[in-house]
Amino acid sequence: MSDTARSRLGTLALRLVGIGLLIAIAAVLLTRFGVVTASTGVFSTAGAMLVVLLGMLLGVVGLVRGFTGKPGLMPSLVAVVAGAAILFVPVTSALGGGDVPMIHDITTDLEDPPQFVAVVALRGEGTNPIDRSAPDLANLQRGAYPQLQTLAVGDDIATVFAAALAQAEAQGWDIADASEPENGEPGRIEATDTTLLFGFKDDVMIRIADDGPDRTLVDMRSVSRVGQSDLGKNA
C-alpha cells in the first residue's frame, strides 16, 4: 500500500464518521418533526451508527499504520476519537436496555391499573394498545421493577393532588387533564412526556385516592406510544 493510499485511508475513515453523524442527525430531526415514522427514524439512526463504526474501525487501522511512521495518523486519530464519542450514548443505552424486559406499559398498581381517558384520543392509530392485554405483562414487571408500588402519603387528598400536579408540570409534561377529586372519586392527572431527541411520547396517568383521614394513595401508570421496549424509561 502506497503512502498516498495510507493517507487516504485516514481521510476515508474520518469522512465515514462524519457522514454517519450527518445521517443520524437528519434521522433524528425528521423523526422529531414527524416527517418519517418512529421505526424509520430508529432504523436509519442504527444504520448511521454502523457507518460511524465502520469509519472508526478504518481509523483504528490507519492509527496502527500511523504509529509506524506512515501518513494518515492525524485523520485516523480524529476518526477514532470522534467515532467513540458518537457511539458512546447509543451503545451504553442499548447495553443498559438489555437488562429490562420487552415491555412499555408500567404501573404501580398491577391489580387495578389507572385507566387513561383524556389521552386516548391523542394516541391515534398505530400506537401501542393500553388494555394491558400483553401476555405475562404483570409478572414481567414484578420481576424487573419490584420496587414500584402504590405510594401512601400522610396528608389530605387535596394537598397531595396539588403537589402531584405541580410535580407533573415541573417535569415539563403536557397536561391533558387534571380532574380534582370530588364526591369520593379519585383525582386524575393525565399528561404526556416527549423525549428530547426523537420526540417519542410516553403518556402518564396519576391517580390520587382518599384512604381515610390524612392518608392518600398515589398510583401512576406510564405507557409508550410506540416501540415494544421502553429501555426502562417508563419505570
C-alpha atoms as a PDB file:
ATOM      1  CA  MET A   1       0.000   0.000   0.000  1.00  0.00           C
ATOM      2  CA  SER A   2       1.451   3.356  -1.024  1.00  0.00           C
ATOM      3  CA  ASP A   3       1.850   6.309   1.316  1.00  0.00           C
ATOM      4  CA  THR A   4      -0.904   8.101  -0.612  1.00  0.00           C
ATOM      5  CA  ALA A   5      -3.273   5.166  -0.106  1.00  0.00           C
ATOM      6  CA  ARG A   6      -2.472   5.066   3.606  1.00  0.00           C
ATOM      7  CA  SER A   7      -3.180   8.780   3.880  1.00  0.00           C
ATOM      8  CA  ARG A   8      -6.454   8.290   2.023  1.00  0.00           C
ATOM      9  CA  LEU A   9      -7.389   5.548   4.483  1.00  0.00           C
ATOM     10  CA  GLY A  10      -7.394   8.023   7.364  1.00  0.00           C
ATOM     11  CA  THR A  11      -9.313  10.579   5.315  1.00  0.00           C
ATOM     12  CA  LEU A  12     -11.898   7.966   4.326  1.00  0.00           C
ATOM     13  CA  ALA A  13     -12.291   6.917   7.951  1.00  0.00           C
ATOM     14  CA  LEU A  14     -12.923  10.495   9.005  1.00  0.00           C
ATOM     15  CA  ARG A  15     -15.390  11.064   6.181  1.00  0.00           C
ATOM     16  CA  LEU A  16     -17.368   7.945   7.086  1.00  0.00           C
ATOM     17  CA  VAL A  17     -17.649   9.089  10.679  1.00  0.00           C
ATOM     18  CA  GLY A  18     -18.841  12.487   9.500  1.00  0.00           C
ATOM     19  CA  ILE A  19     -21.350  11.007   7.035  1.00  0.00           C
ATOM     20  CA  GLY A  20     -22.725   8.677   9.699  1.00  0.00           C
ATOM     21  CA  LEU A  21     -23.146  11.587  12.093  1.00  0.00           C
ATOM     22  CA  LEU A  22     -24.978  13.676   9.481  1.00  0.00           C
ATOM     23  CA  ILE A  23     -27.321  10.791   8.634  1.00  0.00           C
ATOM     24  CA  ALA A  24     -28.077  10.272  12.320  1.00  0.00           C
ATOM     25  CA  ILE A  25     -28.807  13.969  12.855  1.00  0.00           C
ATOM     26  CA  ALA A  26     -31.092  14.015   9.812  1.00  0.00           C
ATOM     27  CA  ALA A  27     -32.925  10.885  11.007  1.00  0.00           C
ATOM     28  CA  VAL A  28     -33.450  12.337  14.481  1.00  0.00           C
ATOM     29  CA  LEU A  29     -34.747  15.666  13.157  1.00  0.00           C
ATOM     30  CA  LEU A  30     -37.054  14.062  10.589  1.00  0.00           C
ATOM     31  CA  THR A  31     -38.494  11.802  13.281  1.00  0.00           C
ATOM     32  CA  ARG A  32     -38.755  14.639  15.804  1.00  0.00           C
ATOM     33  CA  PHE A  33     -40.847  16.737  13.416  1.00  0.00           C
ATOM     34  CA  GLY A  34     -42.990  13.867  12.206  1.00  0.00           C
ATOM     35  CA  VAL A  35     -41.643  13.677   8.647  1.00  0.00           C
ATOM     36  CA  VAL A  36     -40.813   9.967   8.998  1.00  0.00           C
ATOM     37  CA  THR A  37     -42.212   7.291  11.304  1.00  0.00           C
ATOM     38  CA  ALA A  38     -40.551   6.329  14.558  1.00  0.00           C
ATOM     39  CA  SER A  39     -39.449   2.947  13.208  1.00  0.00           C
ATOM     40  CA  THR A  40     -37.913   4.568  10.117  1.00  0.00           C
ATOM     41  CA  GLY A  41     -36.076   7.073  12.258  1.00  0.00           C
ATOM     42  CA  VAL A  42     -34.716   4.430  14.611  1.00  0.00           C
ATOM     43  CA  PHE A  43     -33.576   2.098  11.828  1.00  0.00           C
ATOM     44  CA  SER A  44     -31.982   4.992   9.935  1.00  0.00           C
ATOM     45  CA  THR A  45     -30.118   6.073  13.040  1.00  0.00           C
ATOM     46  CA  ALA A  46     -28.954   2.497  13.649  1.00  0.00           C
ATOM     47  CA  GLY A  47     -27.676   2.345  10.068  1.00  0.00           C
ATOM     48  CA  ALA A  48     -25.905   5.649  10.567  1.00  0.00           C
ATOM     49  CA  MET A  49     -24.197   4.270  13.675  1.00  0.00           C
ATOM     50  CA  LEU A  50     -22.931   1.326  11.616  1.00  0.00           C
ATOM     51  CA  VAL A  51     -21.388   3.803   9.170  1.00  0.00           C
ATOM     52  CA  VAL A  52     -19.731   5.573  12.106  1.00  0.00           C
ATOM     53  CA  LEU A  53     -18.479   2.221  13.411  1.00  0.00           C
ATOM     54  CA  LEU A  54     -17.006   1.356  10.014  1.00  0.00           C
ATOM     55  CA  GLY A  55     -15.225   4.706   9.897  1.00  0.00           C
ATOM     56  CA  MET A  56     -13.935   4.170  13.421  1.00  0.00           C
ATOM     57  CA  LEU A  57     -12.582   0.709  12.554  1.00  0.00           C
ATOM     58  CA  LEU A  58     -10.818   2.073   9.482  1.00  0.00           C
ATOM     59  CA  GLY A  59      -9.447   4.777  11.733  1.00  0.00           C
ATOM     60  CA  VAL A  60      -8.003   2.150  14.044  1.00  0.00           C
ATOM     61  CA  VAL A  61      -6.249   0.539  11.069  1.00  0.00           C
ATOM     62  CA  GLY A  62      -4.941   3.929   9.988  1.00  0.00           C
ATOM     63  CA  LEU A  63      -3.868   4.682  13.544  1.00  0.00           C
ATOM     64  CA  VAL A  64      -1.826   1.491  13.785  1.00  0.00           C
ATOM     65  CA  ARG A  65      -0.144   2.266  10.481  1.00  0.00           C
ATOM     66  CA  GLY A  66       0.377   5.879  11.526  1.00  0.00           C
ATOM     67  CA  PHE A  67       2.278   4.875  14.644  1.00  0.00           C
ATOM     68  CA  THR A  68       4.765   3.077  12.405  1.00  0.00           C
ATOM     69  CA  GLY A  69       5.579   6.375  10.757  1.00  0.00           C
ATOM     70  CA  LYS A  70       3.218   6.121   7.798  1.00  0.00           C
ATOM     71  CA  PRO A  71       1.000   9.051   6.667  1.00  0.00           C
ATOM     72  CA  GLY A  72      -2.599   9.444   7.819  1.00  0.00           C
ATOM     73  CA  LEU A  73      -2.070   9.412  11.597  1.00  0.00           C
ATOM     74  CA  MET A  74      -3.995  12.588  12.432  1.00  0.00           C
ATOM     75  CA  PRO A  75      -7.231  11.965  10.441  1.00  0.00           C
ATOM     76  CA  SER A  76      -7.251   8.381  11.716  1.00  0.00           C
ATOM     77  CA  LEU A  77      -6.882   9.574  15.297  1.00  0.00           C
ATOM     78  CA  VAL A  78      -9.705  12.084  14.870  1.00  0.00           C
ATOM     79  CA  ALA A  79     -11.913   9.390  13.302  1.00  0.00           C
ATOM     80  CA  VAL A  80     -11.338   7.014  16.227  1.00  0.00           C
ATOM     81  CA  VAL A  81     -11.928   9.639  18.922  1.00  0.00           C
ATOM     82  CA  ALA A  82     -14.951  11.170  17.204  1.00  0.00           C
ATOM     83  CA  GLY A  83     -16.419   7.750  16.408  1.00  0.00           C
ATOM     84  CA  ALA A  84     -16.061   6.607  20.014  1.00  0.00           C
ATOM     85  CA  ALA A  85     -17.724   9.796  21.269  1.00  0.00           C
ATOM     86  CA  ILE A  86     -20.631   9.455  18.836  1.00  0.00           C
ATOM     87  CA  LEU A  87     -21.196   5.763  19.621  1.00  0.00           C
ATOM     88  CA  PHE A  88     -20.924   6.147  23.397  1.00  0.00           C
ATOM     89  CA  VAL A  89     -24.530   7.192  24.085  1.00  0.00           C
ATOM     90  CA  PRO A  90     -26.359   4.700  21.815  1.00  0.00           C
ATOM     91  CA  VAL A  91     -24.104   1.807  22.850  1.00  0.00           C
ATOM     92  CA  THR A  92     -24.462   2.457  26.581  1.00  0.00           C
ATOM     93  CA  SER A  93     -28.230   2.931  26.179  1.00  0.00           C
ATOM     94  CA  ALA A  94     -28.532  -0.350  24.297  1.00  0.00           C
ATOM     95  CA  LEU A  95     -26.452  -2.213  26.874  1.00  0.00           C
ATOM     96  CA  GLY A  96     -28.493  -0.743  29.715  1.00  0.00           C
ATOM     97  CA  GLY A  97     -31.726  -1.688  27.994  1.00  0.00           C
ATOM     98  CA  GLY A  98     -30.623  -5.292  27.754  1.00  0.00           C
ATOM     99  CA  ASP A  99     -31.353  -5.781  31.459  1.00  0.00           C
ATOM    100  CA  VAL A 100     -35.023  -4.773  31.222  1.00  0.00           C
ATOM    101  CA  PRO A 101     -37.950  -6.765  29.829  1.00  0.00           C
ATOM    102  CA  MET A 102     -39.535  -6.042  26.449  1.00  0.00           C
ATOM    103  CA  ILE A 103     -42.449  -4.083  27.867  1.00  0.00           C
ATOM    104  CA  HIS A 104     -43.607  -0.482  27.611  1.00  0.00           C
ATOM    105  CA  ASP A 105     -46.596  -0.284  29.982  1.00  0.00           C
ATOM    106  CA  ILE A 106     -45.652   0.219  33.644  1.00  0.00           C
ATOM    107  CA  THR A 107     -47.880   0.861  36.644  1.00  0.00           C
ATOM    108  CA  THR A 108     -47.633   0.984  40.430  1.00  0.00           C
ATOM    109  CA  ASP A 109     -50.933  -0.915  40.770  1.00  0.00           C
ATOM    110  CA  LEU A 110     -50.902  -4.200  38.887  1.00  0.00           C
ATOM    111  CA  GLU A 111     -54.288  -5.276  40.237  1.00  0.00           C
ATOM    112  CA  ASP A 112     -56.180  -2.114  39.316  1.00  0.00           C
ATOM    113  CA  PRO A 113     -54.042  -0.007  36.935  1.00  0.00           C
ATOM    114  CA  PRO A 114     -55.046   3.642  36.465  1.00  0.00           C
ATOM    115  CA  GLN A 115     -57.136   3.977  33.302  1.00  0.00           C
ATOM    116  CA  PHE A 116     -56.463   6.607  30.660  1.00  0.00           C
ATOM    117  CA  VAL A 117     -59.305   8.798  29.467  1.00  0.00           C
ATOM    118  CA  ALA A 118     -58.158  12.138  28.074  1.00  0.00           C
ATOM    119  CA  VAL A 119     -55.040  10.920  26.265  1.00  0.00           C
ATOM    120  CA  VAL A 120     -56.805   8.075  24.457  1.00  0.00           C
ATOM    121  CA  ALA A 121     -57.830  10.382  21.615  1.00  0.00           C
ATOM    122  CA  LEU A 122     -54.283  11.755  21.418  1.00  0.00           C
ATOM    123  CA  ARG A 123     -52.608   8.387  20.853  1.00  0.00           C
ATOM    124  CA  GLY A 124     -54.074   7.832  17.395  1.00  0.00           C
ATOM    125  CA  GLU A 125     -53.751   4.861  15.067  1.00  0.00           C
ATOM    126  CA  GLY A 126     -50.660   2.694  15.054  1.00  0.00           C
ATOM    127  CA  THR A 127     -49.800   3.330  18.705  1.00  0.00           C
ATOM    128  CA  ASN A 128     -49.378   0.699  21.396  1.00  0.00           C
ATOM    129  CA  PRO A 129     -52.593  -0.603  22.963  1.00  0.00           C
ATOM    130  CA  ILE A 130     -53.441   0.475  26.504  1.00  0.00           C
ATOM    131  CA  ASP A 131     -55.566  -2.510  27.502  1.00  0.00           C
ATOM    132  CA  ARG A 132     -52.618  -4.302  29.170  1.00  0.00           C
ATOM    133  CA  SER A 133     -53.501  -7.446  27.229  1.00  0.00           C
ATOM    134  CA  ALA A 134     -49.870  -8.401  26.580  1.00  0.00           C
ATOM    135  CA  PRO A 135     -49.217 -11.898  27.947  1.00  0.00           C
ATOM    136  CA  ASP A 136     -47.406 -12.124  31.287  1.00  0.00           C
ATOM    137  CA  LEU A 137     -47.080  -8.335  31.457  1.00  0.00           C
ATOM    138  CA  ALA A 138     -47.676  -8.146  35.215  1.00  0.00           C
ATOM    139  CA  ASN A 139     -45.174 -10.893  36.003  1.00  0.00           C
ATOM    140  CA  LEU A 140     -42.536  -9.326  33.769  1.00  0.00           C
ATOM    141  CA  GLN A 141     -42.938  -6.024  35.603  1.00  0.00           C
ATOM    142  CA  ARG A 142     -42.819  -7.677  39.028  1.00  0.00           C
ATOM    143  CA  GLY A 143     -39.565  -9.363  38.122  1.00  0.00           C
ATOM    144  CA  ALA A 144     -37.907  -6.224  36.762  1.00  0.00           C
ATOM    145  CA  TYR A 145     -39.340  -3.487  38.992  1.00  0.00           C
ATOM    146  CA  PRO A 146     -40.442  -4.963  42.345  1.00  0.00           C
ATOM    147  CA  GLN A 147     -39.962  -1.563  43.989  1.00  0.00           C
ATOM    148  CA  LEU A 148     -42.833   0.040  42.065  1.00  0.00           C
ATOM    149  CA  GLN A 149     -45.790   0.158  44.438  1.00  0.00           C
ATOM    150  CA  THR A 150     -48.643   2.414  45.489  1.00  0.00           C
ATOM    151  CA  LEU A 151     -47.379   5.442  47.397  1.00  0.00           C
ATOM    152  CA  ALA A 152     -49.166   6.134  50.675  1.00  0.00           C
ATOM    153  CA  VAL A 153     -48.899   9.794  51.704  1.00  0.00           C
ATOM    154  CA  GLY A 154     -49.748  11.056  55.174  1.00  0.00           C
ATOM    155  CA  ASP A 155     -51.677  14.134  54.035  1.00  0.00           C
ATOM    156  CA  ASP A 156     -55.146  15.070  52.819  1.00  0.00           C
ATOM    157  CA  ILE A 157     -56.118  14.334  49.225  1.00  0.00           C
ATOM    158  CA  ALA A 158     -56.435  17.970  48.124  1.00  0.00           C
ATOM    159  CA  THR A 159     -52.889  18.768  49.240  1.00  0.00           C
ATOM    160  CA  VAL A 160     -51.493  15.642  47.606  1.00  0.00           C
ATOM    161  CA  PHE A 161     -53.344  16.326  44.351  1.00  0.00           C
ATOM    162  CA  ALA A 162     -51.944  19.864  44.192  1.00  0.00           C
ATOM    163  CA  ALA A 163     -48.430  18.586  44.879  1.00  0.00           C
ATOM    164  CA  ALA A 164     -48.729  15.880  42.213  1.00  0.00           C
ATOM    165  CA  LEU A 165     -49.970  18.373  39.625  1.00  0.00           C
ATOM    166  CA  ALA A 166     -47.150  20.780  40.461  1.00  0.00           C
ATOM    167  CA  GLN A 167     -44.613  17.966  40.090  1.00  0.00           C
ATOM    168  CA  ALA A 168     -46.056  16.908  36.725  1.00  0.00           C
ATOM    169  CA  GLU A 169     -45.840  20.479  35.475  1.00  0.00           C
ATOM    170  CA  ALA A 170     -42.287  20.803  36.822  1.00  0.00           C
ATOM    171  CA  GLN A 171     -41.310  17.751  34.732  1.00  0.00           C
ATOM    172  CA  GLY A 172     -42.292  19.682  31.618  1.00  0.00           C
ATOM    173  CA  TRP A 173     -45.083  17.255  30.750  1.00  0.00           C
ATOM    174  CA  ASP A 174     -48.006  18.380  28.591  1.00  0.00           C
ATOM    175  CA  ILE A 175     -51.038  18.178  30.876  1.00  0.00           C
ATOM    176  CA  ALA A 176     -54.020  16.697  29.022  1.00  0.00           C
ATOM    177  CA  ASP A 177     -56.385  16.636  32.000  1.00  0.00           C
ATOM    178  CA  ALA A 178     -56.327  17.452  35.703  1.00  0.00           C
ATOM    179  CA  SER A 179     -59.564  16.399  37.382  1.00  0.00           C
ATOM    180  CA  GLU A 180     -59.640  17.224  41.073  1.00  0.00           C
ATOM    181  CA  PRO A 181     -61.044  14.618  43.475  1.00  0.00           C
ATOM    182  CA  GLU A 182     -64.711  15.116  44.294  1.00  0.00           C
ATOM    183  CA  ASN A 183     -67.665  13.157  45.661  1.00  0.00           C
ATOM    184  CA  GLY A 184     -65.379  10.361  46.779  1.00  0.00           C
ATOM    185  CA  GLU A 185     -63.881   9.898  43.315  1.00  0.00           C
ATOM    186  CA  PRO A 186     -60.084   9.894  42.962  1.00  0.00           C
ATOM    187  CA  GLY A 187     -58.255  12.804  41.415  1.00  0.00           C
ATOM    188  CA  ARG A 188     -56.792  12.176  37.957  1.00  0.00           C
ATOM    189  CA  ILE A 189     -53.877  13.789  36.158  1.00  0.00           C
ATOM    190  CA  GLU A 190     -53.119  12.750  32.584  1.00  0.00           C
ATOM    191  CA  ALA A 191     -50.045  14.054  30.819  1.00  0.00           C
ATOM    192  CA  THR A 192     -47.583  13.329  28.026  1.00  0.00           C
ATOM    193  CA  ASP A 193     -43.804  13.295  28.262  1.00  0.00           C
ATOM    194  CA  THR A 194     -41.925  13.896  24.997  1.00  0.00           C
ATOM    195  CA  THR A 195     -38.323  12.743  24.615  1.00  0.00           C
ATOM    196  CA  LEU A 196     -35.768  15.346  23.614  1.00  0.00           C
ATOM    197  CA  LEU A 197     -34.185  13.741  20.551  1.00  0.00           C
ATOM    198  CA  PHE A 198     -36.698  11.652  18.633  1.00  0.00           C
ATOM    199  CA  GLY A 199     -39.790  13.221  20.152  1.00  0.00           C
ATOM    200  CA  PHE A 200     -41.154   9.855  21.320  1.00  0.00           C
ATOM    201  CA  LYS A 201     -44.200  10.269  23.549  1.00  0.00           C
ATOM    202  CA  ASP A 202     -44.972   8.467  26.797  1.00  0.00           C
ATOM    203  CA  ASP A 203     -48.422   9.006  28.298  1.00  0.00           C
ATOM    204  CA  VAL A 204     -48.631   9.251  32.074  1.00  0.00           C
ATOM    205  CA  MET A 205     -51.620   8.802  34.381  1.00  0.00           C
ATOM    206  CA  ILE A 206     -51.554   9.763  38.071  1.00  0.00           C
ATOM    207  CA  ARG A 207     -54.416   8.634  40.298  1.00  0.00           C
ATOM    208  CA  ILE A 208     -54.844  10.239  43.740  1.00  0.00           C
ATOM    209  CA  ALA A 209     -57.312   8.416  46.009  1.00  0.00           C
ATOM    210  CA  ASP A 210     -58.545   9.137  49.533  1.00  0.00           C
ATOM    211  CA  ASP A 211     -57.705   6.416  52.073  1.00  0.00           C
ATOM    212  CA  GLY A 212     -59.032   7.849  55.308  1.00  0.00           C
ATOM    213  CA  PRO A 213     -58.141  10.893  57.418  1.00  0.00           C
ATOM    214  CA  ASP A 214     -54.822  12.378  56.367  1.00  0.00           C
ATOM    215  CA  ARG A 215     -53.906   9.384  54.222  1.00  0.00           C
ATOM    216  CA  THR A 216     -53.832   9.466  50.438  1.00  0.00           C
ATOM    217  CA  LEU A 217     -52.876   6.769  47.931  1.00  0.00           C
ATOM    218  CA  VAL A 218     -50.997   7.766  44.784  1.00  0.00           C
ATOM    219  CA  ASP A 219     -50.680   5.447  41.791  1.00  0.00           C
ATOM    220  CA  MET A 220     -49.064   6.041  38.415  1.00  0.00           C
ATOM    221  CA  ARG A 221     -49.012   4.460  35.019  1.00  0.00           C
ATOM    222  CA  SER A 222     -46.799   5.286  32.060  1.00  0.00           C
ATOM    223  CA  VAL A 223     -47.196   3.856  28.554  1.00  0.00           C
ATOM    224  CA  SER A 224     -45.065   4.456  25.464  1.00  0.00           C
ATOM    225  CA  ARG A 225     -46.972   5.234  22.284  1.00  0.00           C
ATOM    226  CA  VAL A 226     -44.546   3.331  20.060  1.00  0.00           C
ATOM    227  CA  GLY A 227     -41.932   0.624  20.476  1.00  0.00           C
ATOM    228  CA  GLN A 228     -42.009  -2.797  22.081  1.00  0.00           C
ATOM    229  CA  SER A 229     -39.409  -1.994  24.720  1.00  0.00           C
ATOM    230  CA  ASP A 230     -39.035   1.326  26.510  1.00  0.00           C
ATOM    231  CA  LEU A 231     -35.482   0.546  27.784  1.00  0.00           C
ATOM    232  CA  GLY A 232     -36.754   1.170  31.305  1.00  0.00           C
ATOM    233  CA  LYS A 233     -37.850   4.780  30.747  1.00  0.00           C
ATOM    234  CA  ASN A 234     -41.443   4.387  31.903  1.00  0.00           C
ATOM    235  CA  ALA A 235     -40.398   2.746  35.147  1.00  0.00           C
END
